[in-house]
Amino acid sequence: MFVNFRFLKNNGMKASQFCISLLIIITLITEKAAAQKTQPEIARYTKVPAGYLMVLRQGDTIFKEIEVLAQKENIPSANFTGMGFVTMTFGFFDFKKKEYDPKQEFKDVELASMQGSIAWQKGKVSIHAHGTVTGKDFKAYGGHILSGTVSTGSLEIMVTVHDKKLERIKEEKLGANVLCISGQCTE
């Protein structure tokens, strides 16, 4: 950092006064940053009799937070519902290409309804979800959820846990992942 001490002297400030002022400013900035790091993280979920109630906040990635819950709580399988404020991308499955064609991103809309399931696939959490969003014009759009984040406000999700571990497998004929409920499914 370059400091023109002649300028400081001509304006009535001594180098020592400047250094002390600079040291105070740096100390205040450092203390504020340290205080922000020590603030407790806001809980994203709580256990309830039916399973778990999640409350996500602005900026949270929906599927990431559901995955964290499933891993931390070792959820064997579950269904979930949700509502709140989101930015979301939907997709429609193209059976010829065997992939989802994404629809435009819907920004800062109300998630009127979301339903999904949590299972496992090759040792990892596997989420399948559909939803409906509405904007200020009250037009509804929906489909398979490819991604979503919480926008203004919050998102409430009720996770109903099942006692049986369910796996999702990729059925080559369909080209899609399918929930296996018999335990005898093969890829």
Protein backbone atom coordinates (compact mmCIF):
# COMPACT_ATOMS: atom_id res chain seq x y z
CA MET A 1 0.00 0.00 0.00
CA PHE A 2 1.38 3.42 -0.94
CA VAL A 3 0.84 6.26 1.52
CA ASN A 4 1.81 9.83 0.65
CA PHE A 5 3.02 11.01 4.08
CA ARG A 6 3.70 14.53 2.70
CA PHE A 7 -0.03 14.82 1.84
CA LEU A 8 -0.96 13.63 5.36
CA LYS A 9 1.43 16.13 6.99
CA ASN A 10 0.14 19.01 4.86
CA ASN A 11 -3.40 18.15 5.95
CA GLY A 12 -2.61 18.04 9.67
CA MET A 13 -2.26 14.29 10.15
CA LYS A 14 0.94 12.70 11.38
CA ALA A 15 2.13 9.36 10.08
CA SER A 16 1.68 7.86 13.53
CA GLN A 17 -1.96 9.03 13.67
CA PHE A 18 -2.56 7.52 10.25
CA CYS A 19 -1.01 4.19 11.24
CA ILE A 20 -3.07 4.02 14.44
CA SER A 21 -6.26 4.82 12.51
CA LEU A 22 -5.41 2.18 9.92
CA LEU A 23 -4.72 -0.39 12.65
CA ILE A 24 -8.08 0.33 14.32
CA ILE A 25 -9.94 -0.07 11.02
CA ILE A 26 -8.21 -3.39 10.26
CA THR A 27 -8.97 -4.66 13.78
CA LEU A 28 -12.66 -3.77 13.47
CA ILE A 29 -12.97 -5.49 10.09
CA THR A 30 -11.20 -8.62 11.40
CA GLU A 31 -13.41 -8.80 14.51
CA LYS A 32 -16.59 -8.44 12.43
CA ALA A 33 -15.49 -11.23 10.07
CA ALA A 34 -14.66 -13.50 13.02
CA ALA A 35 -18.04 -12.79 14.65
CA GLN A 36 -19.86 -13.72 11.44
CA LYS A 37 -18.03 -17.06 11.29
CA THR A 38 -18.99 -17.97 14.85
CA GLN A 39 -22.71 -17.33 14.50
CA PRO A 40 -24.63 -20.63 14.67
CA GLU A 41 -26.00 -22.02 11.42
CA ILE A 42 -29.77 -21.98 11.12
CA ALA A 43 -31.28 -25.47 11.37
CA ARG A 44 -32.77 -26.73 8.10
CA TYR A 45 -34.91 -29.53 9.59
CA THR A 46 -36.43 -30.97 12.75
CA LYS A 47 -37.73 -34.43 13.64
CA VAL A 48 -41.53 -34.70 13.92
CA PRO A 49 -43.76 -37.77 14.55
CA ALA A 50 -44.38 -38.34 10.82
CA GLY A 51 -40.74 -37.87 9.77
CA TYR A 52 -38.99 -34.52 9.28
CA LEU A 53 -40.11 -30.96 8.69
CA MET A 54 -37.67 -28.91 6.63
CA VAL A 55 -37.65 -25.12 6.34
CA LEU A 56 -35.25 -23.92 3.67
CA ARG A 57 -34.30 -20.29 3.22
CA GLN A 58 -33.32 -17.94 0.42
CA GLY A 59 -30.41 -19.29 -1.59
CA ASP A 60 -30.73 -22.91 -0.41
CA THR A 61 -30.51 -25.54 -3.15
CA ILE A 62 -33.54 -27.78 -2.69
CA PHE A 63 -32.20 -31.18 -3.78
CA LYS A 64 -28.86 -30.62 -2.02
CA GLU A 65 -30.61 -29.96 1.30
CA ILE A 66 -32.89 -33.01 0.88
CA GLU A 67 -29.80 -35.14 0.11
CA VAL A 68 -28.03 -33.84 3.23
CA LEU A 69 -31.07 -34.74 5.35
CA ALA A 70 -31.30 -38.26 3.84
CA GLN A 71 -27.59 -38.92 4.41
CA LYS A 72 -27.30 -37.44 7.92
CA GLU A 73 -30.45 -39.14 9.20
CA ASN A 74 -29.87 -42.36 7.23
CA ILE A 75 -33.36 -42.27 5.73
CA PRO A 76 -34.12 -45.63 4.06
CA SER A 77 -36.75 -44.10 1.74
CA ALA A 78 -39.39 -41.40 1.94
CA ASN A 79 -41.96 -39.27 0.19
CA PHE A 80 -42.07 -35.51 0.50
CA THR A 81 -44.33 -32.57 -0.23
CA GLY A 82 -43.49 -28.89 -0.26
CA MET A 83 -44.57 -25.32 -0.88
CA GLY A 84 -42.92 -21.91 -0.84
CA PHE A 85 -41.00 -19.43 -2.99
CA VAL A 86 -38.55 -20.76 -5.57
CA THR A 87 -36.62 -20.39 -8.76
CA MET A 88 -37.11 -23.66 -10.60
CA THR A 89 -36.33 -25.51 -13.83
CA PHE A 90 -38.62 -28.27 -15.10
CA GLY A 91 -37.97 -30.91 -17.72
CA PHE A 92 -40.05 -33.20 -19.89
CA PHE A 93 -38.67 -36.68 -20.60
CA ASP A 94 -37.96 -37.29 -24.29
CA PHE A 95 -38.23 -41.06 -24.76
CA LYS A 96 -36.43 -40.93 -28.12
CA LYS A 97 -33.37 -39.15 -26.70
CA LYS A 98 -33.74 -40.84 -23.27
CA GLU A 99 -33.16 -37.55 -21.47
CA TYR A 100 -35.03 -34.57 -20.07
CA ASP A 101 -35.58 -31.51 -22.23
CA PRO A 102 -35.30 -28.57 -19.83
CA LYS A 103 -37.95 -25.87 -19.85
CA GLN A 104 -37.11 -22.26 -19.11
CA GLU A 105 -36.14 -21.32 -15.60
CA PHE A 106 -39.06 -19.88 -13.64
CA LYS A 107 -37.68 -17.15 -11.38
CA ASP A 108 -39.14 -15.94 -8.09
CA VAL A 109 -42.39 -17.89 -8.34
CA GLU A 110 -44.61 -19.63 -5.81
CA LEU A 111 -44.22 -23.38 -5.57
CA ALA A 112 -47.88 -24.28 -5.18
CA SER A 113 -47.15 -27.97 -4.85
CA MET A 114 -44.18 -30.32 -4.89
CA GLN A 115 -44.25 -34.10 -4.50
CA GLY A 116 -41.34 -36.46 -4.60
CA SER A 117 -39.63 -39.57 -3.37
CA ILE A 118 -36.28 -40.30 -1.78
CA ALA A 119 -34.59 -43.62 -2.55
CA TRP A 120 -31.04 -44.85 -3.14
CA GLN A 121 -29.17 -45.65 -6.33
CA LYS A 122 -25.68 -47.17 -6.33
CA GLY A 123 -25.07 -46.00 -2.75
CA LYS A 124 -26.19 -42.41 -3.34
CA VAL A 125 -29.40 -40.55 -2.55
CA SER A 126 -31.78 -40.55 -5.52
CA ILE A 127 -34.53 -37.93 -5.67
CA HIS A 128 -37.48 -37.88 -8.05
CA ALA A 129 -39.78 -34.85 -7.83
CA HIS A 130 -42.54 -33.06 -9.70
CA GLY A 131 -44.07 -29.71 -8.96
CA THR A 132 -46.29 -26.83 -9.99
CA VAL A 133 -45.32 -23.15 -9.86
CA THR A 134 -47.35 -20.00 -10.39
CA GLY A 135 -46.38 -16.42 -11.11
CA LYS A 136 -48.05 -13.05 -10.58
CA ASP A 137 -50.36 -13.81 -13.52
CA PHE A 138 -51.59 -16.97 -11.72
CA LYS A 139 -50.68 -19.15 -14.69
CA ALA A 140 -49.44 -22.55 -13.58
CA TYR A 141 -46.46 -24.45 -14.99
CA GLY A 142 -45.16 -27.78 -13.86
CA GLY A 143 -43.47 -31.05 -14.50
CA HIS A 144 -40.39 -33.01 -13.51
CA ILE A 145 -38.15 -30.82 -11.33
CA LEU A 146 -34.59 -30.67 -12.67
CA SER A 147 -33.33 -28.04 -10.22
CA GLY A 148 -34.55 -25.45 -7.78
CA THR A 149 -33.40 -22.93 -5.23
CA VAL A 150 -35.33 -21.02 -2.61
CA SER A 151 -35.92 -17.45 -3.77
CA THR A 152 -37.54 -14.74 -1.67
CA GLY A 153 -39.01 -16.15 1.50
CA SER A 154 -38.78 -19.80 2.45
CA LEU A 155 -39.73 -23.31 1.39
CA GLU A 156 -41.45 -25.79 3.72
CA ILE A 157 -41.00 -29.51 3.04
CA MET A 158 -42.65 -32.39 4.92
CA VAL A 159 -40.66 -35.63 4.62
CA THR A 160 -42.57 -38.83 5.47
CA VAL A 161 -40.07 -41.61 6.18
CA HIS A 162 -40.66 -45.27 5.26
CA ASP A 163 -39.23 -48.21 7.18
CA LYS A 164 -37.96 -50.02 4.08
CA LYS A 165 -34.88 -49.08 2.05
CA LEU A 166 -35.87 -48.60 -1.56
CA GLU A 167 -33.54 -48.55 -4.54
CA ARG A 168 -33.92 -46.79 -7.85
CA ILE A 169 -32.60 -48.60 -10.91
CA LYS A 170 -32.13 -47.57 -14.51
CA GLU A 171 -34.36 -49.62 -16.79
CA GLU A 172 -32.53 -49.70 -20.10
CA LYS A 173 -35.70 -50.36 -22.12
CA LEU A 174 -37.21 -47.13 -20.80
CA GLY A 175 -33.93 -45.27 -20.50
CA ALA A 176 -35.16 -43.93 -17.18
CA ASN A 177 -34.67 -44.52 -13.48
CA VAL A 178 -37.48 -46.51 -11.85
CA LEU A 179 -38.25 -47.10 -8.18
CA CYS A 180 -37.83 -50.79 -7.30
CA ILE A 181 -40.27 -51.85 -4.58
CA SER A 182 -39.87 -55.64 -4.80
CA GLY A 183 -36.17 -55.85 -3.98
CA GLN A 184 -35.72 -58.12 -7.00
CA CYS A 185 -35.16 -55.51 -9.69
CA THR A 186 -32.12 -55.64 -11.94
CA GLU A 187 -30.57 -53.06 -14.16
